[in-house]
């Protein structure tokens, strides 16, 4: 019998199918913690990947942002073939791994433009080719979302979902939504995600609906988040609340407040973002979030469990 995710060992998790993972998340009853990291920047511990660091703090799901499937870069990772990057992260952490893909056309930068960590590359676009590469690399979840200023519209997410559902939907969990407006002024505040969007995302193939955590975006209240999550659950999808507005670098009291609001709203997966400073959330905030949603016993069990179990 398969266990809920918060009780899984690394060896047990390695044998889980997509459907096993979704069931294990649901059966954890709002106690699954996802931490987002950026592999292209210097790790907080310099020569230890941020993925390993967040795993040691109790994370259940490692989300890789700015991950290019054509040119995978994870600073601090031992030398491996590019196609084995994800498998090496899973070997070192024993955790589920997700990547972000962005449903927007890739436009090469001119040589005059200032470079930014968020600049889109072709290997980060939500195309069928990239999704298949990700699945072949061992990714457990593909998240269709947008980084700051990229310009991802909800209709583009729906279009990408339809294509990716057919291409990799039998192998990979598909998550869809936005943590912030992503550069679309008409999709800010409550318009980041509406009940109608939730319906359309699920109809297009989303297994998990992603939405801003209450208190992270203007207009996203506990009541509104609860409305969206209730809508997702009614259609048998899961929900992930997200801290994607740099509040992962706030004080611990703020993190605990957001965590409890997400729990009350009905979140199945709790996400904490990658910009405490830059590259991952503040370590103490990851632990504070974990303790808030599942207590010290489960937090320490997730931290202490050996990879060889």
Protein backbone atom coordinates (compact mmCIF):
# COMPACT_ATOMS: atom_id res chain seq x y z
CA UNK A 1 0.00 0.00 0.00
CA UNK A 2 1.36 3.41 -1.04
CA UNK A 3 1.94 5.96 1.72
CA UNK A 4 0.96 9.62 1.93
CA UNK A 5 3.74 11.90 0.75
CA UNK A 6 4.72 13.22 4.19
CA UNK A 7 5.47 9.62 5.27
CA UNK A 8 7.31 8.47 2.12
CA UNK A 9 10.97 7.51 2.18
CA UNK A 10 13.22 8.28 -0.79
CA UNK A 11 13.18 4.67 -2.01
CA UNK A 12 9.41 4.42 -1.76
CA UNK A 13 8.92 7.71 -3.59
CA UNK A 14 11.13 6.59 -6.47
CA UNK A 15 8.59 3.88 -7.37
CA UNK A 16 5.54 6.20 -7.39
CA UNK A 17 3.65 6.86 -10.63
CA UNK A 18 1.96 10.15 -11.44
CA UNK A 19 -1.33 8.90 -10.01
CA UNK A 20 0.45 7.61 -6.89
CA UNK A 21 1.99 11.06 -6.35
CA UNK A 22 -1.32 12.89 -6.72
CA UNK A 23 -2.98 10.50 -4.28
CA UNK A 24 -0.07 10.78 -1.82
CA UNK A 25 -0.30 14.58 -1.91
CA UNK A 26 -4.06 14.59 -1.37
CA UNK A 27 -3.81 12.13 1.50
CA UNK A 28 -1.28 14.37 3.26
CA UNK A 29 -4.19 16.75 3.97
CA UNK A 30 -2.58 20.12 3.40
CA UNK A 31 0.87 19.27 4.77
CA UNK A 32 2.98 19.14 1.60
CA UNK A 33 5.69 21.81 1.32
CA UNK A 34 7.10 22.91 -2.05
CA UNK A 35 10.19 25.11 -2.17
CA UNK A 36 11.29 26.97 -5.28
CA UNK A 37 14.97 27.37 -6.08
CA UNK A 38 17.07 28.94 -8.83
CA UNK A 39 20.00 26.85 -10.01
CA UNK A 40 21.70 29.45 -12.19
CA UNK A 41 22.77 31.66 -9.26
CA UNK A 42 25.45 30.97 -6.66
CA UNK A 43 23.92 28.66 -4.02
CA UNK A 44 23.41 30.00 -0.52
CA UNK A 45 25.94 27.39 0.71
CA UNK A 46 28.23 28.06 -2.28
CA UNK A 47 29.09 24.50 -3.34
CA UNK A 48 25.95 22.73 -2.10
CA UNK A 49 22.92 23.08 -4.37
CA UNK A 50 19.96 25.07 -3.13
CA UNK A 51 17.91 21.97 -3.96
CA UNK A 52 19.86 19.94 -1.38
CA UNK A 53 19.62 22.75 1.16
CA UNK A 54 15.82 23.08 0.94
CA UNK A 55 15.46 19.28 1.06
CA UNK A 56 17.42 19.25 4.32
CA UNK A 57 14.97 21.79 5.73
CA UNK A 58 11.96 19.54 5.19
CA UNK A 59 10.78 20.28 1.65
CA UNK A 60 8.68 17.60 -0.06
CA UNK A 61 8.74 19.05 -3.57
CA UNK A 62 11.65 20.94 -5.12
CA UNK A 63 10.61 23.43 -7.81
CA UNK A 64 13.37 24.51 -10.19
CA UNK A 65 12.88 28.00 -11.61
CA UNK A 66 14.91 29.36 -14.55
CA UNK A 67 15.61 25.76 -15.60
CA UNK A 68 16.41 25.46 -19.31
CA UNK A 69 15.87 21.92 -20.58
CA UNK A 70 18.31 22.55 -23.45
CA UNK A 71 21.06 23.96 -21.24
CA UNK A 72 20.39 22.74 -17.68
CA UNK A 73 22.43 24.59 -15.06
CA UNK A 74 22.34 23.80 -11.33
CA UNK A 75 25.22 25.50 -9.57
CA UNK A 76 26.86 23.24 -6.98
CA UNK A 77 25.73 20.00 -8.64
CA UNK A 78 28.37 17.30 -9.25
CA UNK A 79 29.39 16.95 -12.91
CA UNK A 80 26.81 14.87 -14.75
CA UNK A 81 25.59 14.65 -18.33
CA UNK A 82 23.05 17.42 -19.03
CA UNK A 83 20.26 14.90 -19.58
CA UNK A 84 20.93 13.44 -16.11
CA UNK A 85 20.64 16.74 -14.23
CA UNK A 86 17.16 16.09 -12.82
CA UNK A 87 17.93 12.48 -11.94
CA UNK A 88 21.03 13.62 -10.04
CA UNK A 89 19.00 16.15 -8.05
CA UNK A 90 16.49 13.42 -7.20
CA UNK A 91 19.31 11.06 -6.22
CA UNK A 92 20.86 13.65 -3.90
CA UNK A 93 17.59 14.82 -2.33
CA UNK A 94 15.14 11.91 -2.51
CA UNK A 95 12.36 14.39 -3.36
CA UNK A 96 9.87 15.10 -6.11
CA UNK A 97 11.20 17.62 -8.65
CA UNK A 98 9.21 20.14 -10.68
CA UNK A 99 10.24 22.73 -13.25
CA UNK A 100 8.56 25.90 -14.47
CA UNK A 101 7.79 26.29 -18.16
CA UNK A 102 6.41 29.59 -19.43
CA UNK A 103 3.61 29.73 -22.05
CA UNK A 104 4.89 32.64 -24.08
CA UNK A 105 6.74 33.05 -27.36
CA UNK A 106 10.52 33.28 -27.03
CA UNK A 107 11.92 36.56 -28.35
CA UNK A 108 15.74 36.74 -28.44
CA UNK A 109 17.22 39.74 -26.65
CA UNK A 110 19.14 42.38 -28.55
CA UNK A 111 22.77 42.95 -27.56
CA UNK A 112 21.80 46.38 -26.17
CA UNK A 113 19.31 45.08 -23.63
CA UNK A 114 20.32 44.75 -19.99
CA UNK A 115 20.52 41.15 -18.83
CA UNK A 116 18.25 39.85 -16.09
CA UNK A 117 18.02 36.51 -14.30
CA UNK A 118 14.39 36.34 -15.51
CA UNK A 119 15.24 36.71 -19.22
CA UNK A 120 13.42 33.97 -21.11
CA UNK A 121 15.32 31.34 -23.08
CA UNK A 122 13.91 28.93 -25.64
CA UNK A 123 14.44 25.96 -23.33
CA UNK A 124 12.13 27.47 -20.72
CA UNK A 125 9.11 27.93 -22.98
CA UNK A 126 6.05 25.73 -22.56
CA UNK A 127 6.38 23.80 -25.81
CA UNK A 128 5.64 20.15 -26.46
CA UNK A 129 9.31 19.55 -27.31
CA UNK A 130 10.49 21.03 -24.01
CA UNK A 131 7.85 19.17 -22.02
CA UNK A 132 8.90 15.86 -23.56
CA UNK A 133 12.55 16.59 -22.75
CA UNK A 134 11.59 17.39 -19.17
CA UNK A 135 9.61 14.17 -18.82
CA UNK A 136 12.49 12.14 -20.27
CA UNK A 137 14.84 13.80 -17.76
CA UNK A 138 12.69 12.54 -14.88
CA UNK A 139 10.69 15.64 -13.95
CA UNK A 140 7.65 14.77 -11.81
CA UNK A 141 5.71 17.99 -12.36
CA UNK A 142 5.62 20.73 -14.98
CA UNK A 143 4.32 24.07 -13.77
CA UNK A 144 2.86 26.39 -16.40
CA UNK A 145 3.31 29.87 -14.98
CA UNK A 146 5.15 33.15 -15.62
CA UNK A 147 8.12 34.90 -14.05
CA UNK A 148 8.05 38.64 -13.31
CA UNK A 149 7.44 40.78 -16.38
CA UNK A 150 7.49 37.86 -18.84
CA UNK A 151 3.92 38.49 -19.98
CA UNK A 152 2.11 35.17 -19.53
CA UNK A 153 -1.65 35.37 -20.13
CA UNK A 154 -4.16 32.84 -18.82
CA UNK A 155 -5.35 32.04 -22.33
CA UNK A 156 -1.78 31.10 -23.24
CA UNK A 157 -1.68 28.77 -20.24
CA UNK A 158 -4.88 27.08 -21.45
CA UNK A 159 -3.43 26.63 -24.93
CA UNK A 160 -0.21 25.13 -23.54
CA UNK A 161 -2.13 22.83 -21.20
CA UNK A 162 -4.12 21.38 -24.08
CA UNK A 163 -0.92 20.54 -25.96
CA UNK A 164 1.05 19.23 -22.99
CA UNK A 165 -1.83 17.10 -21.70
CA UNK A 166 -1.74 15.09 -24.92
CA UNK A 167 2.06 14.97 -25.07
CA UNK A 168 3.09 14.16 -21.47
CA UNK A 169 -0.08 14.15 -19.39
CA UNK A 170 0.19 10.42 -18.73
CA UNK A 171 3.69 10.80 -17.23
CA UNK A 172 3.91 14.20 -15.57
CA UNK A 173 1.71 16.16 -13.16
CA UNK A 174 0.54 19.35 -14.89
CA UNK A 175 0.15 22.41 -12.67
CA UNK A 176 -1.17 25.72 -13.97
CA UNK A 177 -1.67 29.25 -12.69
CA UNK A 178 0.18 32.41 -11.71
CA UNK A 179 1.80 33.68 -8.53
CA UNK A 180 1.45 37.33 -9.61
CA UNK A 181 0.36 39.24 -12.71
CA UNK A 182 3.53 38.27 -14.62
CA UNK A 183 3.50 41.57 -16.53
CA UNK A 184 -0.17 41.43 -17.61
CA UNK A 185 -1.89 44.50 -16.15
CA UNK A 186 -5.37 43.20 -16.99
CA UNK A 187 -4.65 40.04 -14.98
CA UNK A 188 -3.66 41.61 -11.68
CA UNK A 189 -5.27 41.30 -8.23
CA UNK A 190 -8.31 39.03 -8.30
CA UNK A 191 -7.99 38.77 -12.07
CA UNK A 192 -4.76 36.80 -11.72
CA UNK A 193 -7.03 33.78 -11.43
CA UNK A 194 -10.84 33.68 -11.58
CA UNK A 195 -13.24 30.79 -10.97
CA UNK A 196 -13.74 30.67 -14.74
CA UNK A 197 -9.98 30.29 -15.24
CA UNK A 198 -9.94 27.42 -12.76
CA UNK A 199 -12.64 25.61 -14.73
CA UNK A 200 -10.87 26.18 -18.04
CA UNK A 201 -7.47 25.10 -16.71
CA UNK A 202 -8.89 21.83 -15.40
CA UNK A 203 -10.83 21.17 -18.60
CA UNK A 204 -7.60 21.73 -20.55
CA UNK A 205 -5.72 19.17 -18.46
CA UNK A 206 -4.45 20.72 -15.22
CA UNK A 207 -4.02 18.29 -12.33
CA UNK A 208 -3.13 21.08 -9.89
CA UNK A 209 -4.30 24.70 -9.81
CA UNK A 210 -1.71 27.27 -8.71
CA UNK A 211 -2.79 30.55 -7.10
CA UNK A 212 -1.25 33.31 -4.98
CA UNK A 213 -1.33 32.72 -1.24
CA UNK A 214 -3.66 35.04 0.70
CA UNK A 215 -1.78 38.17 1.69
CA UNK A 216 0.84 37.95 -1.07
CA UNK A 217 -0.96 39.83 -3.85
CA UNK A 218 -3.37 42.80 -3.48
CA UNK A 219 -6.95 41.52 -3.51
CA UNK A 220 -6.17 37.86 -2.85
CA UNK A 221 -7.89 37.33 0.48
CA UNK A 222 -8.42 34.18 2.47
CA UNK A 223 -12.05 34.12 1.33
CA UNK A 224 -11.16 34.54 -2.35
CA UNK A 225 -8.46 31.87 -2.21
CA UNK A 226 -10.95 29.55 -0.52
CA UNK A 227 -13.42 30.15 -3.36
CA UNK A 228 -10.85 29.20 -6.00
CA UNK A 229 -9.64 26.14 -4.10
CA UNK A 230 -13.18 24.93 -3.46
CA UNK A 231 -13.78 25.24 -7.21
CA UNK A 232 -10.67 23.16 -7.99
CA UNK A 233 -11.56 20.47 -5.46
CA UNK A 234 -15.10 20.24 -6.80
CA UNK A 235 -13.58 19.24 -10.14
CA UNK A 236 -11.20 16.75 -8.48
CA UNK A 237 -8.06 18.84 -8.98
CA UNK A 238 -5.55 19.74 -6.28
CA UNK A 239 -4.52 23.27 -5.30
CA UNK A 240 -1.14 24.88 -4.66
CA UNK A 241 -0.91 28.24 -2.89
CA UNK A 242 2.24 30.25 -3.62
CA UNK A 243 4.44 32.91 -2.08
CA UNK A 244 5.93 34.43 -5.22
CA UNK A 245 6.26 38.08 -4.26
CA UNK A 246 9.53 38.01 -2.26
CA UNK A 247 7.68 37.61 1.03
CA UNK A 248 9.68 34.42 1.41
CA UNK A 249 12.21 36.93 2.72
CA UNK A 250 9.83 38.41 5.31
CA UNK A 251 9.93 37.76 9.05
CA UNK A 252 8.89 34.39 10.45
CA UNK A 253 5.67 35.74 11.98
CA UNK A 254 4.49 36.82 8.53
CA UNK A 255 5.35 33.41 7.09
CA UNK A 256 3.37 31.63 9.80
CA UNK A 257 0.36 33.89 9.19
CA UNK A 258 0.41 33.21 5.45
CA UNK A 259 0.87 29.48 6.06
CA UNK A 260 -2.16 29.25 8.32
CA UNK A 261 -4.31 31.26 5.89
CA UNK A 262 -3.32 28.86 3.11
CA UNK A 263 -4.21 25.92 5.34
CA UNK A 264 -7.61 27.45 6.11
CA UNK A 265 -8.17 28.13 2.42
CA UNK A 266 -7.70 24.42 1.71
CA UNK A 267 -4.27 24.23 0.04
CA UNK A 268 -3.00 20.74 -0.78
CA UNK A 269 0.51 22.01 -1.57
CA UNK A 270 2.14 25.03 0.07
CA UNK A 271 4.77 26.81 -2.04
CA UNK A 272 7.41 29.19 -0.80
CA UNK A 273 9.38 31.15 -3.40
CA UNK A 274 12.98 31.56 -4.50
CA UNK A 275 13.85 35.12 -3.53
CA UNK A 276 14.52 35.28 0.18
CA UNK A 277 17.71 36.92 -0.97
CA UNK A 278 18.12 35.31 -4.39
CA UNK A 279 17.91 31.62 -5.25
CA UNK A 280 15.81 30.25 -2.39
CA UNK A 281 13.71 31.34 0.57
CA UNK A 282 15.35 32.18 3.87
CA UNK A 283 16.14 28.85 5.57
CA UNK A 284 14.42 29.84 8.82
CA UNK A 285 11.26 30.70 6.88
CA UNK A 286 11.13 27.29 5.21
CA UNK A 287 11.31 25.65 8.61
CA UNK A 288 8.78 28.10 10.10
CA UNK A 289 6.33 27.36 7.29
CA UNK A 290 6.78 23.61 7.73
CA UNK A 291 6.22 23.75 11.49
CA UNK A 292 3.12 25.93 11.01
CA UNK A 293 1.37 23.51 8.65
CA UNK A 294 2.43 20.17 10.13
CA UNK A 295 4.18 20.66 13.48
CA UNK A 296 7.70 19.82 14.64
CA UNK A 297 7.27 16.04 14.57
CA UNK A 298 6.62 15.84 10.83
CA UNK A 299 9.06 18.66 10.11
CA UNK A 300 11.93 16.90 11.87
CA UNK A 301 10.99 13.53 10.36
CA UNK A 302 11.23 15.01 6.87
CA UNK A 303 14.57 16.60 7.77
CA UNK A 304 16.05 13.50 9.40
CA UNK A 305 14.94 10.64 7.13
CA UNK A 306 17.91 8.98 5.43
CA UNK A 307 18.08 8.71 1.63
CA UNK A 308 19.01 5.02 1.89
CA UNK A 309 15.80 4.02 3.70
